[in-house]
Amino acid sequence: MQLKAELLSPGGKIPKQGVENWLKDAKEMIAEAQDVENKVRNGRYLCRAWKGKLVDEKTREMKEFLDKAPNASEALAMDGPSGGLPLPTSELVGEGAARKEIWACLMQEEVKKIGVWGMGGVGKTTIMKHIHNDLLKEQRFERVIWVTISKEFNVMKVQDDIASALKLKEDLAIEGVLVLRGNSKLI
């Protein structure tokens, strides 16, 4: 329950590796215990001594396993990758060429910015959501973020949204200034 609460908290948390491993082992331990329970339930009178020994051994194993459980007084989850989360998408129909062209531009080292424009409803956002999710899978960039720019364009809000997505908000000393360094691409 503690892990579920931590995973539901804001910030894109993921279980610590040790916790994940322990939970995987716990599922196996439960399956083994259920197997023992089924053997005991379906057993005959002559096999009781053997089954009693089996139950004792499994109980001892489970107690030892529980002693190795992650410390619940510590956090069971950690910050997830800062790369971003996949966006929900709909199926792309007939936009393969545009998607490939955008992808090819993004993969060129010398290209730092691209623009995607067109009439409303032609699929610009849908294509870019697919590109966003592909970039997350590809893991070529340290971070991939999604920031929505509304019709009521406000530079300060866009910069604030970018800073928040990059977890830089508290690091910005000069309000209204955002500098992207390194291997960054602005779409």
N, C-alpha and C. Protein backbone atom coordinates (compact mmCIF):
# COMPACT_ATOMS: atom_id res chain seq x y z
N MET A 1 0.84 -1.19 0.00
CA MET A 1 0.00 0.00 0.00
C MET A 1 0.88 1.25 0.00
N GLN A 2 2.00 1.18 0.74
CA GLN A 2 2.90 2.33 0.77
C GLN A 2 3.49 2.58 -0.62
N LEU A 3 3.88 1.53 -1.30
CA LEU A 3 4.44 1.68 -2.64
C LEU A 3 3.41 2.27 -3.58
N LYS A 4 2.17 1.78 -3.53
CA LYS A 4 1.12 2.32 -4.39
C LYS A 4 0.93 3.82 -4.14
N ALA A 5 0.92 4.21 -2.87
CA ALA A 5 0.76 5.62 -2.52
C ALA A 5 1.91 6.45 -3.08
N GLU A 6 3.14 5.93 -2.98
CA GLU A 6 4.29 6.66 -3.50
C GLU A 6 4.24 6.77 -5.02
N LEU A 7 3.79 5.71 -5.68
CA LEU A 7 3.72 5.73 -7.14
C LEU A 7 2.64 6.67 -7.65
N LEU A 8 1.58 6.84 -6.86
CA LEU A 8 0.50 7.73 -7.27
C LEU A 8 0.80 9.20 -6.98
N SER A 9 1.82 9.46 -6.18
CA SER A 9 2.16 10.85 -5.88
C SER A 9 2.74 11.51 -7.13
N PRO A 10 2.62 12.85 -7.25
CA PRO A 10 3.13 13.52 -8.43
C PRO A 10 4.65 13.37 -8.54
N GLY A 11 5.14 13.40 -9.76
CA GLY A 11 6.58 13.37 -9.96
C GLY A 11 7.09 12.17 -10.73
N GLY A 12 6.20 11.32 -11.22
CA GLY A 12 6.64 10.20 -12.05
C GLY A 12 7.55 9.22 -11.33
N LYS A 13 7.14 8.78 -10.16
CA LYS A 13 7.96 7.85 -9.37
C LYS A 13 7.89 6.44 -9.95
N ILE A 14 8.96 5.68 -9.74
CA ILE A 14 9.02 4.27 -10.11
C ILE A 14 9.55 3.49 -8.93
N PRO A 15 9.21 2.18 -8.83
CA PRO A 15 9.71 1.40 -7.69
C PRO A 15 11.23 1.28 -7.74
N LYS A 16 11.86 1.29 -6.57
CA LYS A 16 13.30 1.04 -6.52
C LYS A 16 13.55 -0.38 -7.00
N GLN A 17 14.73 -0.61 -7.59
CA GLN A 17 15.04 -1.92 -8.17
C GLN A 17 14.94 -3.03 -7.13
N GLY A 18 15.45 -2.80 -5.93
CA GLY A 18 15.37 -3.81 -4.88
C GLY A 18 13.93 -4.15 -4.52
N VAL A 19 13.07 -3.14 -4.54
CA VAL A 19 11.66 -3.34 -4.23
C VAL A 19 11.01 -4.16 -5.34
N GLU A 20 11.31 -3.80 -6.60
CA GLU A 20 10.76 -4.56 -7.73
C GLU A 20 11.17 -6.03 -7.66
N ASN A 21 12.45 -6.26 -7.38
CA ASN A 21 12.94 -7.64 -7.28
C ASN A 21 12.25 -8.39 -6.16
N TRP A 22 12.09 -7.73 -5.00
CA TRP A 22 11.44 -8.36 -3.86
C TRP A 22 9.99 -8.69 -4.19
N LEU A 23 9.29 -7.78 -4.86
CA LEU A 23 7.89 -8.03 -5.22
C LEU A 23 7.78 -9.21 -6.20
N LYS A 24 8.71 -9.29 -7.13
CA LYS A 24 8.73 -10.42 -8.08
C LYS A 24 8.93 -11.73 -7.32
N ASP A 25 9.90 -11.72 -6.40
CA ASP A 25 10.15 -12.91 -5.59
C ASP A 25 8.94 -13.25 -4.70
N ALA A 26 8.25 -12.21 -4.21
CA ALA A 26 7.07 -12.42 -3.37
C ALA A 26 5.97 -13.13 -4.16
N LYS A 27 5.79 -12.74 -5.42
CA LYS A 27 4.78 -13.41 -6.24
C LYS A 27 5.13 -14.88 -6.42
N GLU A 28 6.41 -15.17 -6.62
CA GLU A 28 6.84 -16.56 -6.76
C GLU A 28 6.61 -17.32 -5.45
N MET A 29 6.92 -16.68 -4.33
CA MET A 29 6.75 -17.29 -3.01
C MET A 29 5.27 -17.59 -2.75
N ILE A 30 4.40 -16.68 -3.14
CA ILE A 30 2.96 -16.89 -2.95
C ILE A 30 2.49 -18.06 -3.81
N ALA A 31 2.97 -18.13 -5.06
CA ALA A 31 2.59 -19.24 -5.94
C ALA A 31 3.05 -20.58 -5.35
N GLU A 32 4.27 -20.61 -4.80
CA GLU A 32 4.76 -21.84 -4.17
C GLU A 32 3.92 -22.21 -2.95
N ALA A 33 3.54 -21.21 -2.15
CA ALA A 33 2.71 -21.47 -0.96
C ALA A 33 1.34 -22.00 -1.37
N GLN A 34 0.79 -21.45 -2.44
CA GLN A 34 -0.51 -21.93 -2.92
C GLN A 34 -0.40 -23.36 -3.43
N ASP A 35 0.74 -23.69 -4.03
CA ASP A 35 0.98 -25.06 -4.49
C ASP A 35 1.01 -26.01 -3.30
N VAL A 36 1.69 -25.62 -2.23
CA VAL A 36 1.75 -26.44 -1.01
C VAL A 36 0.34 -26.58 -0.43
N GLU A 37 -0.40 -25.49 -0.39
CA GLU A 37 -1.76 -25.53 0.14
C GLU A 37 -2.63 -26.51 -0.66
N ASN A 38 -2.50 -26.48 -1.98
CA ASN A 38 -3.27 -27.41 -2.83
C ASN A 38 -2.88 -28.86 -2.57
N LYS A 39 -1.58 -29.11 -2.36
CA LYS A 39 -1.12 -30.47 -2.08
C LYS A 39 -1.70 -30.96 -0.76
N VAL A 40 -1.71 -30.11 0.25
CA VAL A 40 -2.25 -30.49 1.56
C VAL A 40 -3.75 -30.72 1.46
N ARG A 41 -4.44 -29.85 0.77
CA ARG A 41 -5.90 -29.94 0.66
C ARG A 41 -6.31 -31.23 -0.08
N ASN A 42 -5.57 -31.62 -1.07
CA ASN A 42 -5.93 -32.77 -1.89
C ASN A 42 -5.24 -34.06 -1.43
N GLY A 43 -4.58 -34.03 -0.28
CA GLY A 43 -3.79 -35.16 0.17
C GLY A 43 -4.59 -36.25 0.84
N ARG A 44 -3.91 -37.38 1.04
CA ARG A 44 -4.50 -38.53 1.72
C ARG A 44 -3.97 -38.61 3.14
N TYR A 45 -4.59 -39.43 3.93
CA TYR A 45 -4.23 -39.58 5.34
C TYR A 45 -2.79 -40.05 5.50
N LEU A 46 -2.29 -40.97 4.69
CA LEU A 46 -0.95 -41.55 4.83
C LEU A 46 0.16 -40.52 4.56
N CYS A 47 -0.13 -39.47 3.86
CA CYS A 47 0.90 -38.50 3.48
C CYS A 47 0.95 -37.29 4.42
N ARG A 48 0.17 -37.31 5.50
CA ARG A 48 0.10 -36.13 6.36
C ARG A 48 1.45 -35.72 6.95
N ALA A 49 2.23 -36.69 7.38
CA ALA A 49 3.52 -36.37 8.00
C ALA A 49 4.43 -35.67 6.98
N TRP A 50 4.45 -36.18 5.78
CA TRP A 50 5.29 -35.57 4.74
C TRP A 50 4.79 -34.16 4.42
N LYS A 51 3.46 -34.01 4.35
CA LYS A 51 2.89 -32.70 4.02
C LYS A 51 3.06 -31.72 5.17
N GLY A 52 3.02 -32.21 6.39
CA GLY A 52 3.28 -31.34 7.53
C GLY A 52 4.69 -30.78 7.48
N LYS A 53 5.64 -31.63 7.12
CA LYS A 53 7.02 -31.20 6.99
C LYS A 53 7.14 -30.16 5.87
N LEU A 54 6.43 -30.38 4.77
CA LEU A 54 6.44 -29.46 3.64
C LEU A 54 5.88 -28.09 4.05
N VAL A 55 4.80 -28.10 4.81
CA VAL A 55 4.19 -26.86 5.29
C VAL A 55 5.16 -26.13 6.23
N ASP A 56 5.80 -26.86 7.14
CA ASP A 56 6.77 -26.25 8.06
C ASP A 56 7.92 -25.60 7.29
N GLU A 57 8.45 -26.31 6.30
CA GLU A 57 9.57 -25.77 5.51
C GLU A 57 9.15 -24.50 4.76
N LYS A 58 7.98 -24.53 4.15
CA LYS A 58 7.51 -23.36 3.39
C LYS A 58 7.24 -22.20 4.32
N THR A 59 6.70 -22.48 5.51
CA THR A 59 6.44 -21.41 6.49
C THR A 59 7.75 -20.77 6.93
N ARG A 60 8.77 -21.59 7.19
CA ARG A 60 10.09 -21.07 7.58
C ARG A 60 10.68 -20.21 6.45
N GLU A 61 10.58 -20.70 5.20
CA GLU A 61 11.09 -19.93 4.06
C GLU A 61 10.39 -18.58 3.95
N MET A 62 9.08 -18.58 4.15
CA MET A 62 8.32 -17.33 4.04
C MET A 62 8.70 -16.36 5.15
N LYS A 63 8.92 -16.86 6.37
CA LYS A 63 9.34 -15.97 7.46
C LYS A 63 10.69 -15.35 7.15
N GLU A 64 11.63 -16.15 6.64
CA GLU A 64 12.95 -15.62 6.27
C GLU A 64 12.81 -14.60 5.15
N PHE A 65 11.95 -14.90 4.20
CA PHE A 65 11.73 -13.98 3.08
C PHE A 65 11.17 -12.65 3.58
N LEU A 66 10.20 -12.71 4.48
CA LEU A 66 9.60 -11.48 5.02
C LEU A 66 10.61 -10.66 5.80
N ASP A 67 11.57 -11.33 6.46
CA ASP A 67 12.61 -10.61 7.18
C ASP A 67 13.48 -9.79 6.23
N LYS A 68 13.54 -10.20 4.97
CA LYS A 68 14.35 -9.50 3.97
C LYS A 68 13.55 -8.43 3.22
N ALA A 69 12.34 -8.19 3.65
CA ALA A 69 11.47 -7.21 2.97
C ALA A 69 12.10 -5.82 3.03
N PRO A 70 11.85 -4.99 1.98
CA PRO A 70 12.36 -3.62 2.02
C PRO A 70 11.84 -2.88 3.24
N ASN A 71 12.67 -2.01 3.79
CA ASN A 71 12.33 -1.25 4.98
C ASN A 71 11.22 -0.25 4.66
N ALA A 72 10.05 -0.46 5.22
CA ALA A 72 8.91 0.40 4.94
C ALA A 72 9.05 1.80 5.52
N SER A 73 10.02 1.99 6.42
CA SER A 73 10.22 3.34 6.96
C SER A 73 11.00 4.21 5.96
N GLU A 74 11.57 3.59 4.93
CA GLU A 74 12.26 4.34 3.87
C GLU A 74 11.35 4.39 2.65
N ALA A 75 11.71 5.27 1.72
CA ALA A 75 10.94 5.37 0.48
C ALA A 75 11.11 4.09 -0.33
N LEU A 76 10.03 3.62 -0.90
CA LEU A 76 10.06 2.41 -1.71
C LEU A 76 10.15 2.74 -3.20
N ALA A 77 9.90 4.01 -3.52
CA ALA A 77 9.95 4.46 -4.91
C ALA A 77 11.00 5.56 -5.05
N MET A 78 11.43 5.74 -6.29
CA MET A 78 12.41 6.79 -6.59
C MET A 78 11.91 7.58 -7.79
N ASP A 79 12.54 8.70 -8.04
CA ASP A 79 12.17 9.50 -9.19
C ASP A 79 12.38 8.69 -10.45
N GLY A 80 11.41 8.75 -11.34
CA GLY A 80 11.53 8.07 -12.62
C GLY A 80 12.46 8.83 -13.54
N PRO A 81 12.69 8.27 -14.71
CA PRO A 81 13.56 8.98 -15.64
C PRO A 81 12.98 10.34 -15.96
N SER A 82 13.83 11.32 -16.11
CA SER A 82 13.36 12.67 -16.38
C SER A 82 13.04 12.86 -17.85
N GLY A 83 13.07 11.79 -18.60
CA GLY A 83 12.84 11.87 -20.03
C GLY A 83 11.42 12.20 -20.40
N GLY A 84 10.47 12.02 -19.56
CA GLY A 84 9.09 12.33 -19.87
C GLY A 84 8.24 11.07 -19.93
N LEU A 85 6.96 11.27 -20.03
CA LEU A 85 6.01 10.17 -20.07
C LEU A 85 5.36 10.11 -21.45
N PRO A 86 5.04 8.90 -21.92
CA PRO A 86 4.37 8.79 -23.22
C PRO A 86 3.03 9.51 -23.21
N LEU A 87 2.66 10.05 -24.35
CA LEU A 87 1.39 10.75 -24.49
C LEU A 87 0.37 9.83 -25.16
N PRO A 88 -0.89 9.96 -24.79
CA PRO A 88 -1.91 9.16 -25.47
C PRO A 88 -2.02 9.60 -26.92
N THR A 89 -2.14 8.64 -27.82
CA THR A 89 -2.21 8.98 -29.24
C THR A 89 -3.36 8.24 -29.90
N SER A 90 -3.73 8.74 -31.06
CA SER A 90 -4.69 8.03 -31.89
C SER A 90 -3.93 7.53 -33.11
N GLU A 91 -4.57 6.68 -33.88
CA GLU A 91 -3.91 6.08 -35.03
C GLU A 91 -3.64 7.14 -36.10
N LEU A 92 -2.46 7.05 -36.69
CA LEU A 92 -2.11 7.95 -37.80
C LEU A 92 -2.55 7.31 -39.10
N VAL A 93 -3.29 8.08 -39.88
CA VAL A 93 -3.74 7.57 -41.17
C VAL A 93 -3.22 8.50 -42.26
N GLY A 94 -2.39 7.98 -43.14
CA GLY A 94 -1.90 8.75 -44.28
C GLY A 94 -0.90 9.84 -43.95
N GLU A 95 -0.27 9.78 -42.78
CA GLU A 95 0.69 10.82 -42.38
C GLU A 95 2.10 10.27 -42.24
N GLY A 96 2.33 9.08 -42.80
CA GLY A 96 3.63 8.43 -42.67
C GLY A 96 4.78 9.25 -43.24
N ALA A 97 4.57 9.87 -44.40
CA ALA A 97 5.63 10.64 -45.05
C ALA A 97 6.03 11.84 -44.20
N ALA A 98 5.05 12.56 -43.69
CA ALA A 98 5.34 13.74 -42.85
C ALA A 98 6.06 13.32 -41.58
N ARG A 99 5.61 12.23 -40.99
CA ARG A 99 6.23 11.73 -39.77
C ARG A 99 7.69 11.36 -40.02
N LYS A 100 7.96 10.66 -41.11
CA LYS A 100 9.33 10.27 -41.46
C LYS A 100 10.20 11.50 -41.72
N GLU A 101 9.64 12.51 -42.37
CA GLU A 101 10.40 13.73 -42.66
C GLU A 101 10.77 14.46 -41.36
N ILE A 102 9.82 14.57 -40.46
CA ILE A 102 10.08 15.22 -39.17
C ILE A 102 11.14 14.43 -38.40
N TRP A 103 10.99 13.10 -38.39
CA TRP A 103 11.95 12.24 -37.68
C TRP A 103 13.35 12.42 -38.27
N ALA A 104 13.45 12.42 -39.59
CA ALA A 104 14.76 12.57 -40.24
C ALA A 104 15.41 13.90 -39.85
N CYS A 105 14.63 14.97 -39.78
CA CYS A 105 15.17 16.27 -39.36
C CYS A 105 15.68 16.21 -37.92
N LEU A 106 14.92 15.58 -37.06
CA LEU A 106 15.32 15.51 -35.65
C LEU A 106 16.59 14.71 -35.45
N MET A 107 16.85 13.76 -36.31
CA MET A 107 18.03 12.90 -36.17
C MET A 107 19.30 13.54 -36.76
N GLN A 108 19.15 14.67 -37.43
CA GLN A 108 20.31 15.37 -37.98
C GLN A 108 20.95 16.22 -36.89
N GLU A 109 22.24 16.07 -36.72
CA GLU A 109 22.97 16.80 -35.67
C GLU A 109 22.89 18.31 -35.87
N GLU A 110 22.94 18.76 -37.13
CA GLU A 110 22.99 20.20 -37.39
C GLU A 110 21.64 20.90 -37.26
N VAL A 111 20.55 20.15 -37.23
CA VAL A 111 19.22 20.74 -37.10
C VAL A 111 18.92 20.95 -35.61
N LYS A 112 18.66 22.19 -35.24
CA LYS A 112 18.38 22.51 -33.84
C LYS A 112 16.92 22.89 -33.60
N LYS A 113 16.21 23.30 -34.66
CA LYS A 113 14.81 23.67 -34.52
C LYS A 113 14.05 23.21 -35.76
N ILE A 114 12.82 22.81 -35.55
CA ILE A 114 11.93 22.54 -36.67
C ILE A 114 10.59 23.18 -36.36
N GLY A 115 9.84 23.48 -37.38
CA GLY A 115 8.49 24.01 -37.22
C GLY A 115 7.52 23.09 -37.92
N VAL A 116 6.40 22.86 -37.30
CA VAL A 116 5.34 22.06 -37.90
C VAL A 116 4.10 22.94 -37.93
N TRP A 117 3.59 23.21 -39.13
CA TRP A 117 2.45 24.09 -39.23
C TRP A 117 1.47 23.56 -40.27
N GLY A 118 0.27 24.10 -40.23
CA GLY A 118 -0.77 23.69 -41.17
C GLY A 118 -2.13 24.09 -40.62
N MET A 119 -3.13 23.86 -41.43
CA MET A 119 -4.50 24.20 -41.03
C MET A 119 -4.90 23.36 -39.82
N GLY A 120 -5.83 23.88 -39.07
CA GLY A 120 -6.33 23.15 -37.92
C GLY A 120 -6.98 21.84 -38.33
N GLY A 121 -6.73 20.79 -37.56
CA GLY A 121 -7.37 19.51 -37.81
C GLY A 121 -6.68 18.59 -38.80
N VAL A 122 -5.50 18.99 -39.29
CA VAL A 122 -4.82 18.13 -40.27
C VAL A 122 -3.94 17.06 -39.61
N GLY A 123 -3.74 17.15 -38.31
CA GLY A 123 -3.00 16.10 -37.61
C GLY A 123 -1.62 16.49 -37.10
N LYS A 124 -1.35 17.80 -37.00
CA LYS A 124 -0.03 18.25 -36.52
C LYS A 124 0.24 17.74 -35.11
N THR A 125 -0.69 17.92 -34.21
CA THR A 125 -0.51 17.51 -32.83
C THR A 125 -0.40 15.99 -32.73
N THR A 126 -1.22 15.28 -33.48
CA THR A 126 -1.18 13.81 -33.44
C THR A 126 0.18 13.30 -33.90
N ILE A 127 0.68 13.85 -35.01
CA ILE A 127 2.01 13.43 -35.50
C ILE A 127 3.07 13.71 -34.45
N MET A 128 3.01 14.89 -33.85
CA MET A 128 4.04 15.27 -32.88
C MET A 128 3.94 14.43 -31.60
N LYS A 129 2.74 14.00 -31.22
CA LYS A 129 2.62 13.11 -30.07
C LYS A 129 3.29 11.77 -30.39
N HIS A 130 3.10 11.28 -31.61
CA HIS A 130 3.76 10.03 -32.01
C HIS A 130 5.28 10.21 -32.02
N ILE A 131 5.75 11.33 -32.55
CA ILE A 131 7.19 11.63 -32.57
C ILE A 131 7.72 11.68 -31.13
N HIS A 132 7.00 12.37 -30.25
CA HIS A 132 7.37 12.47 -28.84
C HIS A 132 7.55 11.08 -28.23
N ASN A 133 6.56 10.21 -28.44
CA ASN A 133 6.63 8.85 -27.88
C ASN A 133 7.77 8.05 -28.50
N ASP A 134 8.01 8.23 -29.81
CA ASP A 134 9.13 7.55 -30.47
C ASP A 134 10.46 8.01 -29.89
N LEU A 135 10.57 9.31 -29.61
CA LEU A 135 11.81 9.84 -29.02
C LEU A 135 12.05 9.26 -27.63
N LEU A 136 10.98 9.07 -26.88
CA LEU A 136 11.12 8.45 -25.55
C LEU A 136 11.65 7.03 -25.69
N LYS A 137 11.10 6.28 -26.65
CA LYS A 137 11.54 4.89 -26.86
C LYS A 137 12.99 4.84 -27.35
N GLU A 138 13.33 5.74 -28.23
CA GLU A 138 14.66 5.76 -28.85
C GLU A 138 15.77 6.08 -27.84
N GLN A 139 15.46 6.91 -26.85
CA GLN A 139 16.39 7.31 -25.79
C GLN A 139 17.69 7.92 -26.32
N ARG A 140 17.59 8.72 -27.37
CA ARG A 140 18.76 9.43 -27.88
C ARG A 140 19.01 10.72 -27.13
N PHE A 141 17.96 11.24 -26.54
CA PHE A 141 18.06 12.50 -25.83
C PHE A 141 17.90 12.25 -24.33
N GLU A 142 18.57 13.05 -23.56
CA GLU A 142 18.48 12.92 -22.11
C GLU A 142 17.06 13.17 -21.62
N ARG A 143 16.40 14.15 -22.22
CA ARG A 143 15.04 14.50 -21.84
C ARG A 143 14.21 14.79 -23.07
N VAL A 144 12.96 14.38 -23.00
CA VAL A 144 11.98 14.71 -24.02
C VAL A 144 10.77 15.24 -23.27
N ILE A 145 10.39 16.46 -23.56
CA ILE A 145 9.27 17.06 -22.82
C ILE A 145 8.19 17.51 -23.81
N TRP A 146 7.01 17.67 -23.29
CA TRP A 146 5.88 18.14 -24.09
C TRP A 146 5.33 19.37 -23.39
N VAL A 147 5.29 20.48 -24.12
CA VAL A 147 4.74 21.72 -23.59
C VAL A 147 3.69 22.21 -24.58
N THR A 148 2.50 22.50 -24.09
CA THR A 148 1.43 22.99 -24.95
C THR A 148 1.48 24.51 -25.01
N ILE A 149 1.40 25.03 -26.22
CA ILE A 149 1.35 26.48 -26.42
C ILE A 149 -0.05 26.81 -26.91
N SER A 150 -0.75 27.59 -26.12
CA SER A 150 -2.14 27.89 -26.44
C SER A 150 -2.23 29.06 -27.42
N LYS A 151 -3.46 29.31 -27.89
CA LYS A 151 -3.68 30.44 -28.80
C LYS A 151 -3.34 31.76 -28.13
N GLU A 152 -3.57 31.84 -26.84
CA GLU A 152 -3.22 33.05 -26.07
C GLU A 152 -1.75 32.93 -25.69
N PHE A 153 -0.88 33.07 -26.65
CA PHE A 153 0.56 32.86 -26.47
C PHE A 153 1.12 33.83 -25.43
N ASN A 154 1.87 33.26 -24.47
CA ASN A 154 2.50 34.04 -23.42
C ASN A 154 3.90 33.46 -23.21
N VAL A 155 4.91 34.23 -23.60
CA VAL A 155 6.30 33.77 -23.53
C VAL A 155 6.66 33.33 -22.12
N MET A 156 6.27 34.11 -21.14
CA MET A 156 6.61 33.79 -19.75
C MET A 156 6.00 32.45 -19.33
N LYS A 157 4.75 32.19 -19.74
CA LYS A 157 4.11 30.93 -19.39
C LYS A 157 4.81 29.77 -20.08
N VAL A 158 5.15 29.92 -21.35
CA VAL A 158 5.84 28.86 -22.08
C VAL A 158 7.19 28.56 -21.41
N GLN A 159 7.94 29.62 -21.07
CA GLN A 159 9.23 29.42 -20.41
C GLN A 159 9.05 28.75 -19.06
N ASP A 160 8.03 29.15 -18.32
CA ASP A 160 7.76 28.56 -17.02
C ASP A 160 7.39 27.08 -17.17
N ASP A 161 6.57 26.76 -18.18
CA ASP A 161 6.19 25.36 -18.43
C ASP A 161 7.41 24.52 -18.80
N ILE A 162 8.30 25.07 -19.64
CA ILE A 162 9.51 24.36 -20.03
C ILE A 162 10.40 24.14 -18.81
N ALA A 163 10.57 25.19 -18.03
CA ALA A 163 11.41 25.08 -16.82
C ALA A 163 10.84 24.04 -15.86
N SER A 164 9.52 24.02 -15.70
CA SER A 164 8.89 23.03 -14.82
C SER A 164 9.12 21.62 -15.35
N ALA A 165 8.94 21.44 -16.66
CA ALA A 165 9.13 20.12 -17.25
C ALA A 165 10.57 19.65 -17.12
N LEU A 166 11.50 20.58 -17.17
CA LEU A 166 12.92 20.25 -17.03
C LEU A 166 13.37 20.25 -15.57
N LYS A 167 12.43 20.53 -14.68
CA LYS A 167 12.72 20.62 -13.24
C LYS A 167 13.80 21.67 -12.96
N LEU A 168 13.72 22.78 -13.68
CA LEU A 168 14.67 23.87 -13.52
C LEU A 168 14.04 25.09 -12.87
N LYS A 169 12.76 25.02 -12.60
CA LYS A 169 12.03 26.20 -12.16
C LYS A 169 12.73 26.92 -11.01
N GLU A 170 13.20 26.16 -10.03
CA GLU A 170 13.85 26.79 -8.87
C GLU A 170 15.26 27.28 -9.21
N ASP A 171 15.83 26.80 -10.34
CA ASP A 171 17.19 27.20 -10.71
C ASP A 171 17.24 28.48 -11.53
N LEU A 172 16.10 28.95 -12.00
CA LEU A 172 16.11 30.14 -12.85
C LEU A 172 16.31 31.38 -11.99
N ALA A 173 17.46 31.99 -12.12
CA ALA A 173 17.78 33.17 -11.32
C ALA A 173 17.12 34.41 -11.91
N ILE A 174 17.08 34.49 -13.22
CA ILE A 174 16.51 35.65 -13.89
C ILE A 174 15.17 35.23 -14.48
N GLU A 175 14.10 35.82 -13.99
CA GLU A 175 12.78 35.44 -14.46
C GLU A 175 12.63 35.78 -15.93
N GLY A 176 12.05 34.84 -16.66
CA GLY A 176 11.80 35.07 -18.07
C GLY A 176 12.95 34.64 -18.97
N VAL A 177 14.03 34.09 -18.41
CA VAL A 177 15.16 33.67 -19.22
C VAL A 177 15.32 32.17 -19.07
N LEU A 178 15.37 31.48 -20.19
CA LEU A 178 15.59 30.04 -20.17
C LEU A 178 16.61 29.73 -21.25
N VAL A 179 17.69 29.12 -20.85
CA VAL A 179 18.74 28.77 -21.79
C VAL A 179 18.81 27.26 -21.86
N LEU A 180 18.68 26.72 -23.07
CA LEU A 180 18.82 25.29 -23.27
C LEU A 180 20.22 25.05 -23.77
N ARG A 181 20.98 24.23 -23.05
CA ARG A 181 22.37 23.97 -23.42
C ARG A 181 22.52 22.52 -23.84
N GLY A 182 23.63 22.25 -24.48
CA GLY A 182 23.97 20.88 -24.84
C GLY A 182 23.25 20.44 -26.09
N ASN A 183 22.97 19.15 -26.15
CA ASN A 183 22.36 18.55 -27.34
C ASN A 183 20.85 18.70 -27.25
N SER A 184 20.36 19.93 -27.37
CA SER A 184 18.94 20.20 -27.25
C SER A 184 18.34 20.48 -28.61
N LYS A 185 17.12 20.09 -28.77
CA LYS A 185 16.37 20.42 -29.97
C LYS A 185 15.07 21.06 -29.53
N LEU A 186 14.70 22.10 -30.18
CA LEU A 186 13.46 22.80 -29.88
C LEU A 186 12.53 22.58 -31.05
N ILE A 187 11.39 22.00 -30.78
CA ILE A 187 10.42 21.70 -31.84
C ILE A 187 9.28 22.68 -31.74
